Amino acid sequence: MFLAVWHYPCIRAKLYDVCLDQENHIAMKHIEIVDGALNSRFELYAVTDQIFDLLFPAEEDEIYLEYLNKELQEDAAFWDQVYAREVDRRTVKGIHGILHTHPKAKTSIIEQTAGRTGSIGY
């Protein structure tokens, strides 16, 4: 099975790289999706500013799916747009946001931190 991977050239902007969809001339941002599975691929996707702002409100750059409102979590058309443009990570010049889709991801990160330091925290 062949999977087409979209490539978006990036240009340098104020604080981060902005990627352009050359076909539609739309500014795109890269997000990494962490699903919490042991074999997670940590996929990267290019999304429009509008979609990015819905996923990462108030200038957040990392969020857990469970923190998004239920309506957005269950909006299949919205998620189709999020997953529409997978990006080859070798071409990415920066990641603008990280979305954790599995509620256990947060717990796992906390447990791993506690295991390394002997207590929860840094």
Protein backbone atom coordinates (compact mmCIF):
# COMPACT_ATOMS: atom_id res chain seq x y z
CA MET A 1 0.00 0.00 0.00
CA PHE A 2 1.38 3.40 -0.95
CA LEU A 3 0.85 6.36 1.38
CA ALA A 4 1.34 9.80 -0.08
CA VAL A 5 3.13 12.16 2.28
CA TRP A 6 2.63 15.90 1.88
CA HIS A 7 5.67 18.16 1.91
CA TYR A 8 5.42 21.80 2.95
CA PRO A 9 8.45 24.05 2.55
CA CYS A 10 9.07 26.26 5.54
CA ILE A 11 10.11 29.88 5.81
CA ARG A 12 11.52 31.64 8.86
CA ALA A 13 9.03 33.82 10.72
CA LYS A 14 9.04 35.69 14.02
CA LEU A 15 9.42 32.96 16.66
CA TYR A 16 8.88 29.81 14.66
CA ASP A 17 8.86 28.38 11.18
CA VAL A 18 5.71 28.81 9.13
CA CYS A 19 4.99 26.16 6.54
CA LEU A 20 3.17 26.97 3.35
CA ASP A 21 0.78 24.73 1.48
CA GLN A 22 2.06 25.60 -2.01
CA GLU A 23 -1.08 24.36 -3.71
CA ASN A 24 -3.49 26.58 -1.77
CA HIS A 25 -1.03 29.22 -0.47
CA ILE A 26 -2.14 28.68 3.12
CA ALA A 27 0.12 29.07 6.17
CA MET A 28 0.36 25.77 8.05
CA LYS A 29 1.64 24.79 11.47
CA HIS A 30 3.13 21.44 12.46
CA ILE A 31 1.64 19.42 15.28
CA GLU A 32 2.92 16.17 16.73
CA ILE A 33 0.33 13.64 17.83
CA VAL A 34 1.29 11.28 20.65
CA ASP A 35 -1.28 8.51 21.07
CA GLY A 36 0.10 6.87 24.21
CA ALA A 37 0.72 3.46 22.63
CA LEU A 38 4.02 1.72 23.22
CA ASN A 39 4.54 1.60 19.46
CA SER A 40 3.42 5.18 18.80
CA ARG A 41 4.90 6.73 15.65
CA PHE A 42 4.62 10.31 16.97
CA GLU A 43 3.14 11.44 13.66
CA LEU A 44 3.53 15.01 12.44
CA TYR A 45 0.73 16.83 10.65
CA ALA A 46 0.39 20.21 8.99
CA VAL A 47 -2.76 22.08 10.02
CA THR A 48 -4.16 25.52 9.26
CA ASP A 49 -3.98 28.31 11.83
CA GLN A 50 -7.74 27.96 12.38
CA ILE A 51 -7.45 24.28 13.32
CA PHE A 52 -4.32 24.92 15.38
CA ASP A 53 -6.11 27.63 17.39
CA LEU A 54 -8.99 25.24 18.16
CA LEU A 55 -6.56 22.57 19.38
CA PHE A 56 -4.22 24.87 21.28
CA PRO A 57 -6.22 27.71 22.87
CA ALA A 58 -4.62 30.60 24.74
CA GLU A 59 -1.21 30.15 23.12
CA GLU A 60 -0.71 26.68 24.59
CA ASP A 61 1.77 24.47 22.75
CA GLU A 62 1.03 21.15 24.45
CA ILE A 63 -2.40 19.80 25.31
CA TYR A 64 -4.19 16.59 26.21
CA LEU A 65 -7.26 15.54 24.22
CA GLU A 66 -9.31 15.27 27.40
CA TYR A 67 -8.93 19.04 27.93
CA LEU A 68 -10.72 19.87 24.67
CA ASN A 69 -14.47 20.35 24.83
CA LYS A 70 -16.58 17.23 24.12
CA GLU A 71 -18.09 18.74 20.97
CA LEU A 72 -14.65 19.17 19.41
CA GLN A 73 -13.51 15.73 20.60
CA GLU A 74 -16.43 14.10 18.79
CA ASP A 75 -16.37 16.21 15.59
CA ALA A 76 -15.34 13.67 12.92
CA ALA A 77 -15.06 16.29 10.16
CA PHE A 78 -12.67 18.33 12.31
CA TRP A 79 -10.43 15.30 12.96
CA ASP A 80 -10.46 14.44 9.26
CA GLN A 81 -8.92 17.88 8.67
CA VAL A 82 -6.35 17.36 11.45
CA TYR A 83 -5.20 14.02 9.99
CA ALA A 84 -5.40 15.10 6.32
CA ARG A 85 -1.79 16.26 5.88
CA GLU A 86 0.81 13.96 7.38
CA VAL A 87 4.29 15.44 7.10
CA ASP A 88 7.59 13.64 6.62
CA ARG A 89 9.47 14.44 9.83
CA ARG A 90 12.76 14.74 7.94
CA THR A 91 11.44 17.89 6.24
CA VAL A 92 10.11 19.59 9.38
CA LYS A 93 11.93 22.67 10.66
CA GLY A 94 9.90 23.02 13.86
CA ILE A 95 6.94 21.68 15.81
CA HIS A 96 4.36 24.22 16.92
CA GLY A 97 2.27 22.01 19.19
CA ILE A 98 2.01 18.55 20.76
CA LEU A 99 -1.34 16.81 21.18
CA HIS A 100 -1.57 13.82 23.54
CA THR A 101 -4.60 11.77 22.51
CA HIS A 102 -4.55 9.14 25.25
CA PRO A 103 -5.50 10.07 28.83
CA LYS A 104 -2.90 7.67 30.23
CA ALA A 105 -0.08 9.58 28.51
CA LYS A 106 -0.07 12.22 31.24
CA THR A 107 -0.05 9.60 33.99
CA SER A 108 2.72 7.69 32.26
CA ILE A 109 4.90 10.79 31.95
CA ILE A 110 4.40 11.59 35.64
CA GLU A 111 5.21 7.99 36.62
CA GLN A 112 8.37 7.98 34.49
CA THR A 113 9.50 11.27 36.04
CA ALA A 114 8.87 9.88 39.52
CA GLY A 115 10.83 6.73 38.67
CA ARG A 116 13.89 8.71 37.57
CA THR A 117 13.95 11.20 40.44
CA GLY A 118 12.40 9.14 43.22
CA SER A 119 9.53 11.62 43.56
CA ILE A 120 6.96 13.27 41.37
CA GLY A 121 8.25 16.51 39.91
CA TYR A 122 11.59 17.76 38.75
